[in-house]
Amino acid sequence: MSTSESLAKRFLRNEWSKLTANERRVVDAVLQRETLSRNANLELHERRTLGQRVADRVAVFGGSWTFILLFGGFLVSWVLINAVVLATRPFDPYPFIFLNLILSMLAAVQAPIIMMSQNRQAAKDRDHAEHDYAVNLKAELEIMGLHEKLDEMRTEQITWLLASQREQLEMLGRLVAGRG
């Protein structure tokens, strides 16, 4: 049985074959004294494609007060220009059919882009959760190993103390016997 299998059985109380690939990687990292910590945000940020970067920017801007205020200003301007300034010959008379078409097209384009960004965020969250699990599992295994070492040290210390006490009792017995 390999050291990895032995560690898995001892601490995880599970067969090596039943461990996930992530758990096996953690066990090996414990044995090799490797760190598992990494900056997952930085890794994912560097791997983004152009489309993902655009989707993130659209989602950030589309969900901001700046967008809401600018878009509200655009709508008010559109209505004022068509209802007041160009009252005699508006390019989009009331009920503003062209404005409705523009709003529908904006929603049709913006919604899937924001959903792409949200899906990527969900994937990023899953990656973070897996990484957190691996780091926590490694920390738990390391703590169990430390407990084992402390127990061994305590056992050795108790054995030494008992031997020392026996020796002292023998010496005390000889001392008492020599006086008697």
N, C-alpha and C. Protein backbone atom coordinates (compact mmCIF):
# COMPACT_ATOMS: atom_id res chain seq x y z
N MET A 1 0.85 -1.17 0.00
CA MET A 1 0.00 0.00 0.00
C MET A 1 0.90 1.24 0.00
N SER A 2 0.58 2.22 -0.88
CA SER A 2 1.41 3.42 -0.97
C SER A 2 1.15 4.34 0.21
N THR A 3 2.02 5.32 0.37
CA THR A 3 1.87 6.28 1.45
C THR A 3 0.57 7.07 1.29
N SER A 4 0.24 7.42 0.04
CA SER A 4 -1.00 8.15 -0.23
C SER A 4 -2.22 7.34 0.21
N GLU A 5 -2.22 6.06 -0.14
CA GLU A 5 -3.34 5.20 0.24
C GLU A 5 -3.43 5.06 1.75
N SER A 6 -2.28 4.95 2.40
CA SER A 6 -2.23 4.82 3.84
C SER A 6 -2.79 6.07 4.51
N LEU A 7 -2.39 7.24 4.02
CA LEU A 7 -2.88 8.51 4.57
C LEU A 7 -4.38 8.63 4.36
N ALA A 8 -4.86 8.27 3.19
CA ALA A 8 -6.30 8.34 2.89
C ALA A 8 -7.09 7.44 3.84
N LYS A 9 -6.58 6.24 4.07
CA LYS A 9 -7.27 5.31 4.97
C LYS A 9 -7.25 5.82 6.41
N ARG A 10 -6.08 6.31 6.83
CA ARG A 10 -5.90 6.71 8.22
C ARG A 10 -6.71 7.96 8.56
N PHE A 11 -6.60 8.99 7.75
CA PHE A 11 -7.24 10.25 8.09
C PHE A 11 -8.62 10.44 7.48
N LEU A 12 -8.80 10.03 6.24
CA LEU A 12 -10.08 10.23 5.58
C LEU A 12 -11.01 9.04 5.76
N ARG A 13 -10.47 7.94 6.30
CA ARG A 13 -11.25 6.72 6.52
C ARG A 13 -11.97 6.31 5.23
N ASN A 14 -11.20 6.34 4.14
CA ASN A 14 -11.76 6.01 2.84
C ASN A 14 -10.72 5.32 1.99
N GLU A 15 -11.16 4.49 1.08
CA GLU A 15 -10.27 3.81 0.15
C GLU A 15 -9.76 4.83 -0.87
N TRP A 16 -8.54 4.67 -1.31
CA TRP A 16 -7.93 5.55 -2.31
C TRP A 16 -8.79 5.61 -3.57
N SER A 17 -9.33 4.48 -3.96
CA SER A 17 -10.11 4.41 -5.20
C SER A 17 -11.43 5.18 -5.10
N LYS A 18 -11.89 5.41 -3.88
CA LYS A 18 -13.16 6.12 -3.70
C LYS A 18 -12.98 7.63 -3.57
N LEU A 19 -11.74 8.10 -3.51
CA LEU A 19 -11.49 9.54 -3.41
C LEU A 19 -11.66 10.20 -4.77
N THR A 20 -12.10 11.46 -4.75
CA THR A 20 -12.20 12.21 -6.00
C THR A 20 -10.79 12.62 -6.43
N ALA A 21 -10.67 13.04 -7.67
CA ALA A 21 -9.37 13.48 -8.18
C ALA A 21 -8.84 14.65 -7.35
N ASN A 22 -9.73 15.54 -6.95
CA ASN A 22 -9.34 16.69 -6.13
C ASN A 22 -8.81 16.23 -4.77
N GLU A 23 -9.48 15.25 -4.15
CA GLU A 23 -9.05 14.74 -2.85
C GLU A 23 -7.70 14.02 -2.96
N ARG A 24 -7.50 13.30 -4.06
CA ARG A 24 -6.22 12.63 -4.28
C ARG A 24 -5.10 13.66 -4.41
N ARG A 25 -5.40 14.74 -5.13
CA ARG A 25 -4.41 15.81 -5.30
C ARG A 25 -4.05 16.41 -3.94
N VAL A 26 -5.04 16.57 -3.07
CA VAL A 26 -4.81 17.13 -1.74
C VAL A 26 -3.92 16.19 -0.92
N VAL A 27 -4.24 14.90 -0.94
CA VAL A 27 -3.45 13.92 -0.18
C VAL A 27 -2.00 13.94 -0.66
N ASP A 28 -1.81 13.95 -1.98
CA ASP A 28 -0.45 14.02 -2.53
C ASP A 28 0.25 15.31 -2.13
N ALA A 29 -0.50 16.43 -2.10
CA ALA A 29 0.09 17.71 -1.71
C ALA A 29 0.54 17.68 -0.25
N VAL A 30 -0.24 17.00 0.60
CA VAL A 30 0.15 16.87 2.01
C VAL A 30 1.45 16.09 2.11
N LEU A 31 1.53 14.98 1.39
CA LEU A 31 2.72 14.14 1.45
C LEU A 31 3.95 14.83 0.86
N GLN A 32 3.75 15.63 -0.18
CA GLN A 32 4.87 16.33 -0.83
C GLN A 32 5.18 17.68 -0.18
N ARG A 33 4.37 18.04 0.82
CA ARG A 33 4.50 19.32 1.50
C ARG A 33 4.40 20.49 0.52
N GLU A 34 3.45 20.39 -0.39
CA GLU A 34 3.19 21.44 -1.37
C GLU A 34 2.05 22.32 -0.87
N THR A 35 2.04 23.56 -1.32
CA THR A 35 0.94 24.45 -0.97
C THR A 35 -0.14 24.34 -2.04
N LEU A 36 -1.36 24.53 -1.62
CA LEU A 36 -2.49 24.51 -2.54
C LEU A 36 -3.06 25.90 -2.76
N SER A 37 -2.66 26.84 -1.92
CA SER A 37 -3.19 28.18 -2.04
C SER A 37 -2.77 28.80 -3.36
N ARG A 38 -3.71 29.49 -3.96
CA ARG A 38 -3.44 30.19 -5.21
C ARG A 38 -4.45 31.31 -5.33
N ASN A 39 -4.14 32.27 -6.17
CA ASN A 39 -5.06 33.36 -6.40
C ASN A 39 -5.95 32.98 -7.58
N ALA A 40 -7.08 32.38 -7.29
CA ALA A 40 -7.98 31.89 -8.34
C ALA A 40 -8.53 33.04 -9.17
N ASN A 41 -8.78 34.19 -8.54
CA ASN A 41 -9.29 35.34 -9.28
C ASN A 41 -8.32 35.76 -10.37
N LEU A 42 -7.05 35.80 -10.03
CA LEU A 42 -6.04 36.23 -10.99
C LEU A 42 -5.95 35.24 -12.15
N GLU A 43 -5.97 33.95 -11.85
CA GLU A 43 -5.91 32.93 -12.90
C GLU A 43 -7.09 33.05 -13.85
N LEU A 44 -8.29 33.16 -13.29
CA LEU A 44 -9.48 33.25 -14.13
C LEU A 44 -9.51 34.57 -14.91
N HIS A 45 -9.04 35.63 -14.29
CA HIS A 45 -9.02 36.94 -14.93
C HIS A 45 -8.11 36.94 -16.16
N GLU A 46 -6.97 36.26 -16.03
CA GLU A 46 -6.01 36.21 -17.14
C GLU A 46 -6.48 35.32 -18.28
N ARG A 47 -7.35 34.34 -18.01
CA ARG A 47 -7.80 33.41 -19.04
C ARG A 47 -9.04 33.88 -19.79
N ARG A 48 -9.57 35.06 -19.44
CA ARG A 48 -10.80 35.52 -20.09
C ARG A 48 -10.58 35.80 -21.58
N THR A 49 -11.57 35.45 -22.36
CA THR A 49 -11.52 35.75 -23.79
C THR A 49 -12.03 37.17 -24.01
N LEU A 50 -11.91 37.67 -25.24
CA LEU A 50 -12.40 39.00 -25.56
C LEU A 50 -13.90 39.08 -25.30
N GLY A 51 -14.65 38.06 -25.72
CA GLY A 51 -16.09 38.05 -25.49
C GLY A 51 -16.45 38.09 -24.01
N GLN A 52 -15.69 37.36 -23.20
CA GLN A 52 -15.96 37.36 -21.76
C GLN A 52 -15.65 38.72 -21.14
N ARG A 53 -14.57 39.35 -21.60
CA ARG A 53 -14.24 40.69 -21.08
C ARG A 53 -15.33 41.70 -21.44
N VAL A 54 -15.83 41.62 -22.68
CA VAL A 54 -16.90 42.52 -23.12
C VAL A 54 -18.16 42.25 -22.31
N ALA A 55 -18.51 40.98 -22.12
CA ALA A 55 -19.70 40.64 -21.35
C ALA A 55 -19.60 41.16 -19.92
N ASP A 56 -18.42 41.05 -19.33
CA ASP A 56 -18.23 41.56 -17.96
C ASP A 56 -18.40 43.07 -17.91
N ARG A 57 -17.84 43.75 -18.89
CA ARG A 57 -17.97 45.22 -18.90
C ARG A 57 -19.41 45.66 -19.12
N VAL A 58 -20.11 44.98 -20.04
CA VAL A 58 -21.52 45.31 -20.29
C VAL A 58 -22.33 45.06 -19.02
N ALA A 59 -22.08 43.94 -18.34
CA ALA A 59 -22.82 43.61 -17.12
C ALA A 59 -22.54 44.64 -16.02
N VAL A 60 -21.28 45.04 -15.90
CA VAL A 60 -20.93 46.03 -14.87
C VAL A 60 -21.59 47.37 -15.18
N PHE A 61 -21.50 47.80 -16.44
CA PHE A 61 -22.09 49.09 -16.81
C PHE A 61 -23.61 49.02 -16.80
N GLY A 62 -24.19 47.93 -17.33
CA GLY A 62 -25.65 47.79 -17.40
C GLY A 62 -26.31 47.69 -16.04
N GLY A 63 -25.55 47.33 -15.03
CA GLY A 63 -26.11 47.21 -13.69
C GLY A 63 -25.66 48.34 -12.77
N SER A 64 -25.35 49.48 -13.36
CA SER A 64 -24.84 50.60 -12.54
C SER A 64 -25.82 51.76 -12.54
N TRP A 65 -25.66 52.62 -11.55
CA TRP A 65 -26.47 53.84 -11.48
C TRP A 65 -26.13 54.77 -12.64
N THR A 66 -24.92 54.74 -13.09
CA THR A 66 -24.53 55.56 -14.23
C THR A 66 -25.38 55.20 -15.44
N PHE A 67 -25.53 53.90 -15.72
CA PHE A 67 -26.35 53.46 -16.85
C PHE A 67 -27.80 53.89 -16.64
N ILE A 68 -28.33 53.68 -15.47
CA ILE A 68 -29.73 54.01 -15.19
C ILE A 68 -29.97 55.51 -15.40
N LEU A 69 -29.07 56.34 -14.86
CA LEU A 69 -29.24 57.79 -15.00
C LEU A 69 -29.06 58.24 -16.45
N LEU A 70 -28.04 57.73 -17.13
CA LEU A 70 -27.84 58.09 -18.54
C LEU A 70 -29.01 57.63 -19.40
N PHE A 71 -29.49 56.42 -19.16
CA PHE A 71 -30.59 55.91 -19.95
C PHE A 71 -31.88 56.67 -19.65
N GLY A 72 -32.07 57.00 -18.38
CA GLY A 72 -33.24 57.82 -18.02
C GLY A 72 -33.18 59.17 -18.71
N GLY A 73 -31.97 59.78 -18.73
CA GLY A 73 -31.78 61.06 -19.43
C GLY A 73 -32.07 60.92 -20.92
N PHE A 74 -31.61 59.81 -21.52
CA PHE A 74 -31.85 59.57 -22.94
C PHE A 74 -33.36 59.48 -23.22
N LEU A 75 -34.08 58.74 -22.38
CA LEU A 75 -35.52 58.58 -22.57
C LEU A 75 -36.27 59.91 -22.44
N VAL A 76 -35.92 60.66 -21.40
CA VAL A 76 -36.55 61.96 -21.20
C VAL A 76 -36.25 62.88 -22.39
N SER A 77 -35.00 62.89 -22.85
CA SER A 77 -34.62 63.72 -24.00
C SER A 77 -35.41 63.31 -25.24
N TRP A 78 -35.51 62.01 -25.48
CA TRP A 78 -36.23 61.50 -26.65
C TRP A 78 -37.68 62.01 -26.64
N VAL A 79 -38.32 61.85 -25.49
CA VAL A 79 -39.72 62.26 -25.37
C VAL A 79 -39.85 63.77 -25.54
N LEU A 80 -38.98 64.54 -24.89
CA LEU A 80 -39.05 66.00 -24.99
C LEU A 80 -38.80 66.47 -26.41
N ILE A 81 -37.81 65.91 -27.06
CA ILE A 81 -37.50 66.32 -28.44
C ILE A 81 -38.67 66.02 -29.36
N ASN A 82 -39.26 64.84 -29.23
CA ASN A 82 -40.35 64.44 -30.13
C ASN A 82 -41.69 65.07 -29.76
N ALA A 83 -41.92 65.38 -28.50
CA ALA A 83 -43.21 65.91 -28.08
C ALA A 83 -43.24 67.43 -28.04
N VAL A 84 -42.08 68.05 -27.74
CA VAL A 84 -42.09 69.51 -27.57
C VAL A 84 -41.30 70.20 -28.68
N VAL A 85 -40.03 69.89 -28.85
CA VAL A 85 -39.17 70.60 -29.80
C VAL A 85 -39.64 70.37 -31.24
N LEU A 86 -39.90 69.15 -31.57
CA LEU A 86 -40.33 68.82 -32.94
C LEU A 86 -41.84 68.54 -32.97
N ALA A 87 -42.61 69.34 -32.28
CA ALA A 87 -44.05 69.09 -32.12
C ALA A 87 -44.78 69.06 -33.46
N THR A 88 -44.34 69.86 -34.41
CA THR A 88 -45.05 69.89 -35.69
C THR A 88 -44.68 68.73 -36.60
N ARG A 89 -43.38 68.33 -36.57
CA ARG A 89 -42.94 67.22 -37.42
C ARG A 89 -41.98 66.30 -36.65
N PRO A 90 -42.44 65.56 -35.62
CA PRO A 90 -41.55 64.68 -34.86
C PRO A 90 -41.14 63.46 -35.70
N PHE A 91 -39.91 63.00 -35.51
CA PHE A 91 -39.46 61.81 -36.25
C PHE A 91 -39.99 60.53 -35.60
N ASP A 92 -40.44 60.61 -34.34
CA ASP A 92 -41.06 59.47 -33.66
C ASP A 92 -42.22 59.98 -32.84
N PRO A 93 -43.39 60.18 -33.49
CA PRO A 93 -44.53 60.76 -32.76
C PRO A 93 -45.06 59.81 -31.69
N TYR A 94 -45.80 60.40 -30.73
CA TYR A 94 -46.46 59.62 -29.70
C TYR A 94 -47.26 58.53 -30.38
N PRO A 95 -47.21 57.30 -29.95
CA PRO A 95 -46.75 56.63 -28.75
C PRO A 95 -45.31 56.12 -28.84
N PHE A 96 -44.45 56.77 -29.60
CA PHE A 96 -43.01 56.50 -29.65
C PHE A 96 -42.71 55.05 -30.02
N ILE A 97 -43.21 54.62 -31.15
CA ILE A 97 -43.02 53.25 -31.64
C ILE A 97 -41.54 52.96 -31.89
N PHE A 98 -40.83 53.91 -32.49
CA PHE A 98 -39.41 53.70 -32.79
C PHE A 98 -38.61 53.55 -31.49
N LEU A 99 -38.95 54.36 -30.48
CA LEU A 99 -38.29 54.25 -29.17
C LEU A 99 -38.53 52.86 -28.58
N ASN A 100 -39.76 52.35 -28.69
CA ASN A 100 -40.06 51.00 -28.20
C ASN A 100 -39.24 49.94 -28.92
N LEU A 101 -39.05 50.13 -30.23
CA LEU A 101 -38.24 49.20 -31.00
C LEU A 101 -36.79 49.22 -30.51
N ILE A 102 -36.25 50.41 -30.29
CA ILE A 102 -34.87 50.54 -29.79
C ILE A 102 -34.74 49.90 -28.41
N LEU A 103 -35.72 50.14 -27.53
CA LEU A 103 -35.68 49.55 -26.18
C LEU A 103 -35.75 48.03 -26.26
N SER A 104 -36.58 47.49 -27.13
CA SER A 104 -36.69 46.04 -27.29
C SER A 104 -35.39 45.44 -27.79
N MET A 105 -34.76 46.10 -28.78
CA MET A 105 -33.50 45.60 -29.31
C MET A 105 -32.41 45.66 -28.24
N LEU A 106 -32.39 46.74 -27.47
CA LEU A 106 -31.39 46.86 -26.40
C LEU A 106 -31.56 45.74 -25.38
N ALA A 107 -32.80 45.47 -24.99
CA ALA A 107 -33.06 44.40 -24.02
C ALA A 107 -32.71 43.04 -24.61
N ALA A 108 -33.00 42.86 -25.91
CA ALA A 108 -32.71 41.57 -26.56
C ALA A 108 -31.21 41.31 -26.64
N VAL A 109 -30.42 42.34 -26.77
CA VAL A 109 -28.96 42.18 -26.86
C VAL A 109 -28.33 42.16 -25.46
N GLN A 110 -28.79 43.05 -24.61
CA GLN A 110 -28.16 43.20 -23.29
C GLN A 110 -28.43 42.01 -22.38
N ALA A 111 -29.60 41.43 -22.40
CA ALA A 111 -29.95 40.33 -21.49
C ALA A 111 -29.04 39.11 -21.67
N PRO A 112 -28.85 38.60 -22.89
CA PRO A 112 -27.96 37.44 -23.02
C PRO A 112 -26.51 37.74 -22.65
N ILE A 113 -26.07 38.97 -22.92
CA ILE A 113 -24.69 39.33 -22.57
C ILE A 113 -24.52 39.31 -21.06
N ILE A 114 -25.50 39.85 -20.34
CA ILE A 114 -25.45 39.85 -18.88
C ILE A 114 -25.53 38.42 -18.36
N MET A 115 -26.35 37.57 -19.00
CA MET A 115 -26.45 36.17 -18.58
C MET A 115 -25.12 35.44 -18.80
N MET A 116 -24.41 35.76 -19.89
CA MET A 116 -23.10 35.14 -20.12
C MET A 116 -22.15 35.50 -18.98
N SER A 117 -22.18 36.75 -18.57
CA SER A 117 -21.33 37.19 -17.48
C SER A 117 -21.71 36.49 -16.18
N GLN A 118 -23.00 36.35 -15.94
CA GLN A 118 -23.46 35.67 -14.73
C GLN A 118 -23.09 34.19 -14.74
N ASN A 119 -23.18 33.54 -15.90
CA ASN A 119 -22.78 32.13 -16.00
C ASN A 119 -21.30 31.98 -15.71
N ARG A 120 -20.48 32.91 -16.21
CA ARG A 120 -19.06 32.86 -15.93
C ARG A 120 -18.79 33.09 -14.45
N GLN A 121 -19.56 33.98 -13.84
CA GLN A 121 -19.41 34.22 -12.41
C GLN A 121 -19.78 32.98 -11.62
N ALA A 122 -20.82 32.26 -12.06
CA ALA A 122 -21.20 31.02 -11.39
C ALA A 122 -20.09 29.97 -11.52
N ALA A 123 -19.48 29.89 -12.70
CA ALA A 123 -18.36 28.95 -12.89
C ALA A 123 -17.19 29.35 -12.00
N LYS A 124 -16.95 30.64 -11.90
CA LYS A 124 -15.87 31.13 -11.04
C LYS A 124 -16.17 30.78 -9.58
N ASP A 125 -17.42 30.92 -9.17
CA ASP A 125 -17.80 30.58 -7.79
C ASP A 125 -17.61 29.09 -7.52
N ARG A 126 -17.94 28.24 -8.52
CA ARG A 126 -17.72 26.80 -8.35
C ARG A 126 -16.23 26.50 -8.20
N ASP A 127 -15.41 27.16 -9.01
CA ASP A 127 -13.96 26.97 -8.93
C ASP A 127 -13.44 27.40 -7.55
N HIS A 128 -13.95 28.53 -7.06
CA HIS A 128 -13.55 28.99 -5.73
C HIS A 128 -13.95 27.99 -4.66
N ALA A 129 -15.16 27.44 -4.79
CA ALA A 129 -15.64 26.48 -3.79
C ALA A 129 -14.77 25.22 -3.80
N GLU A 130 -14.41 24.72 -4.98
CA GLU A 130 -13.54 23.54 -5.07
C GLU A 130 -12.17 23.84 -4.47
N HIS A 131 -11.66 25.02 -4.76
CA HIS A 131 -10.35 25.40 -4.23
C HIS A 131 -10.41 25.52 -2.71
N ASP A 132 -11.45 26.16 -2.20
CA ASP A 132 -11.61 26.29 -0.74
C ASP A 132 -11.70 24.92 -0.08
N TYR A 133 -12.44 24.00 -0.72
CA TYR A 133 -12.55 22.64 -0.17
C TYR A 133 -11.18 21.98 -0.11
N ALA A 134 -10.41 22.11 -1.18
CA ALA A 134 -9.08 21.48 -1.22
C ALA A 134 -8.17 22.07 -0.13
N VAL A 135 -8.17 23.39 0.00
CA VAL A 135 -7.33 24.03 1.02
C VAL A 135 -7.78 23.63 2.42
N ASN A 136 -9.09 23.60 2.65
CA ASN A 136 -9.60 23.20 3.96
C ASN A 136 -9.29 21.75 4.27
N LEU A 137 -9.41 20.89 3.27
CA LEU A 137 -9.11 19.47 3.47
C LEU A 137 -7.63 19.29 3.80
N LYS A 138 -6.77 20.01 3.08
CA LYS A 138 -5.34 19.91 3.35
C LYS A 138 -5.03 20.39 4.77
N ALA A 139 -5.65 21.51 5.16
CA ALA A 139 -5.43 22.01 6.52
C ALA A 139 -5.90 21.00 7.55
N GLU A 140 -7.02 20.38 7.29
CA GLU A 140 -7.54 19.36 8.22
C GLU A 140 -6.59 18.17 8.31
N LEU A 141 -6.08 17.71 7.17
CA LEU A 141 -5.14 16.60 7.17
C LEU A 141 -3.85 16.97 7.91
N GLU A 142 -3.38 18.18 7.68
CA GLU A 142 -2.17 18.64 8.38
C GLU A 142 -2.39 18.69 9.88
N ILE A 143 -3.56 19.16 10.30
CA ILE A 143 -3.88 19.23 11.72
C ILE A 143 -3.96 17.83 12.32
N MET A 144 -4.57 16.90 11.58
CA MET A 144 -4.63 15.51 12.06
C MET A 144 -3.22 14.94 12.21
N GLY A 145 -2.35 15.25 11.25
CA GLY A 145 -0.96 14.79 11.34
C GLY A 145 -0.26 15.38 12.56
N LEU A 146 -0.51 16.65 12.83
CA LEU A 146 0.08 17.28 14.02
C LEU A 146 -0.44 16.64 15.30
N HIS A 147 -1.74 16.34 15.32
CA HIS A 147 -2.31 15.66 16.50
C HIS A 147 -1.64 14.31 16.71
N GLU A 148 -1.41 13.58 15.62
CA GLU A 148 -0.74 12.30 15.73
C GLU A 148 0.66 12.45 16.30
N LYS A 149 1.39 13.44 15.81
CA LYS A 149 2.75 13.68 16.30
C LYS A 149 2.73 14.07 17.77
N LEU A 150 1.78 14.93 18.16
CA LEU A 150 1.68 15.32 19.57
C LEU A 150 1.34 14.11 20.45
N ASP A 151 0.43 13.26 19.95
CA ASP A 151 0.09 12.05 20.71
C ASP A 151 1.31 11.15 20.88
N GLU A 152 2.11 10.99 19.81
CA GLU A 152 3.33 10.19 19.89
C GLU A 152 4.30 10.80 20.90
N MET A 153 4.46 12.13 20.85
CA MET A 153 5.37 12.79 21.80
C MET A 153 4.88 12.61 23.23
N ARG A 154 3.57 12.72 23.41
CA ARG A 154 2.99 12.57 24.75
C ARG A 154 3.19 11.13 25.25
N THR A 155 3.01 10.17 24.37
CA THR A 155 3.20 8.77 24.74
C THR A 155 4.67 8.52 25.13
N GLU A 156 5.58 9.06 24.33
CA GLU A 156 7.01 8.92 24.65
C GLU A 156 7.34 9.58 25.99
N GLN A 157 6.75 10.75 26.20
CA GLN A 157 7.01 11.47 27.45
C GLN A 157 6.46 10.71 28.65
N ILE A 158 5.27 10.17 28.51
CA ILE A 158 4.67 9.40 29.61
C ILE A 158 5.50 8.14 29.87
N THR A 159 5.95 7.48 28.82
CA THR A 159 6.79 6.28 28.98
C THR A 159 8.08 6.66 29.72
N TRP A 160 8.69 7.76 29.31
CA TRP A 160 9.92 8.21 29.96
C TRP A 160 9.65 8.56 31.42
N LEU A 161 8.54 9.25 31.70
CA LEU A 161 8.20 9.62 33.07
C LEU A 161 7.94 8.37 33.93
N LEU A 162 7.25 7.39 33.37
CA LEU A 162 7.00 6.15 34.12
C LEU A 162 8.30 5.42 34.42
N ALA A 163 9.20 5.36 33.43
CA ALA A 163 10.50 4.70 33.65
C ALA A 163 11.29 5.46 34.71
N SER A 164 11.26 6.77 34.62
CA SER A 164 11.98 7.60 35.60
C SER A 164 11.38 7.40 36.99
N GLN A 165 10.06 7.33 37.05
CA GLN A 165 9.40 7.14 38.34
C GLN A 165 9.74 5.75 38.92
N ARG A 166 9.75 4.73 38.08
CA ARG A 166 10.12 3.38 38.53
C ARG A 166 11.54 3.40 39.09
N GLU A 167 12.42 4.06 38.36
CA GLU A 167 13.83 4.14 38.80
C GLU A 167 13.92 4.86 40.14
N GLN A 168 13.16 5.94 40.29
CA GLN A 168 13.19 6.68 41.55
C GLN A 168 12.61 5.84 42.69
N LEU A 169 11.53 5.08 42.40
CA LEU A 169 10.94 4.22 43.42
C LEU A 169 11.93 3.12 43.84
N GLU A 170 12.66 2.58 42.85
CA GLU A 170 13.67 1.57 43.18
C GLU A 170 14.75 2.18 44.05
N MET A 171 15.19 3.38 43.70
CA MET A 171 16.22 4.06 44.49
C MET A 171 15.69 4.35 45.92
N LEU A 172 14.45 4.77 46.00
CA LEU A 172 13.83 5.06 47.29
C LEU A 172 13.71 3.77 48.10
N GLY A 173 13.34 2.68 47.41
CA GLY A 173 13.24 1.36 48.09
C GLY A 173 14.59 0.93 48.64
N ARG A 174 15.66 1.11 47.86
CA ARG A 174 17.00 0.76 48.33
C ARG A 174 17.42 1.65 49.51
N LEU A 175 17.06 2.91 49.41
CA LEU A 175 17.40 3.83 50.50
C LEU A 175 16.71 3.40 51.81
N VAL A 176 15.42 3.07 51.70
CA VAL A 176 14.67 2.64 52.87
C VAL A 176 15.22 1.30 53.39
N ALA A 177 15.55 0.38 52.51
CA ALA A 177 16.08 -0.91 52.88
C ALA A 177 17.44 -0.76 53.55
N GLY A 178 18.24 0.19 53.09
CA GLY A 178 19.56 0.41 53.67
C GLY A 178 19.48 1.02 55.07
N ARG A 179 18.45 1.69 55.42
CA ARG A 179 18.30 2.29 56.74
C ARG A 179 17.70 1.31 57.73
N GLY A 180 16.98 0.39 57.20
CA GLY A 180 16.24 -0.54 58.05
C GLY A 180 17.01 -1.61 58.66
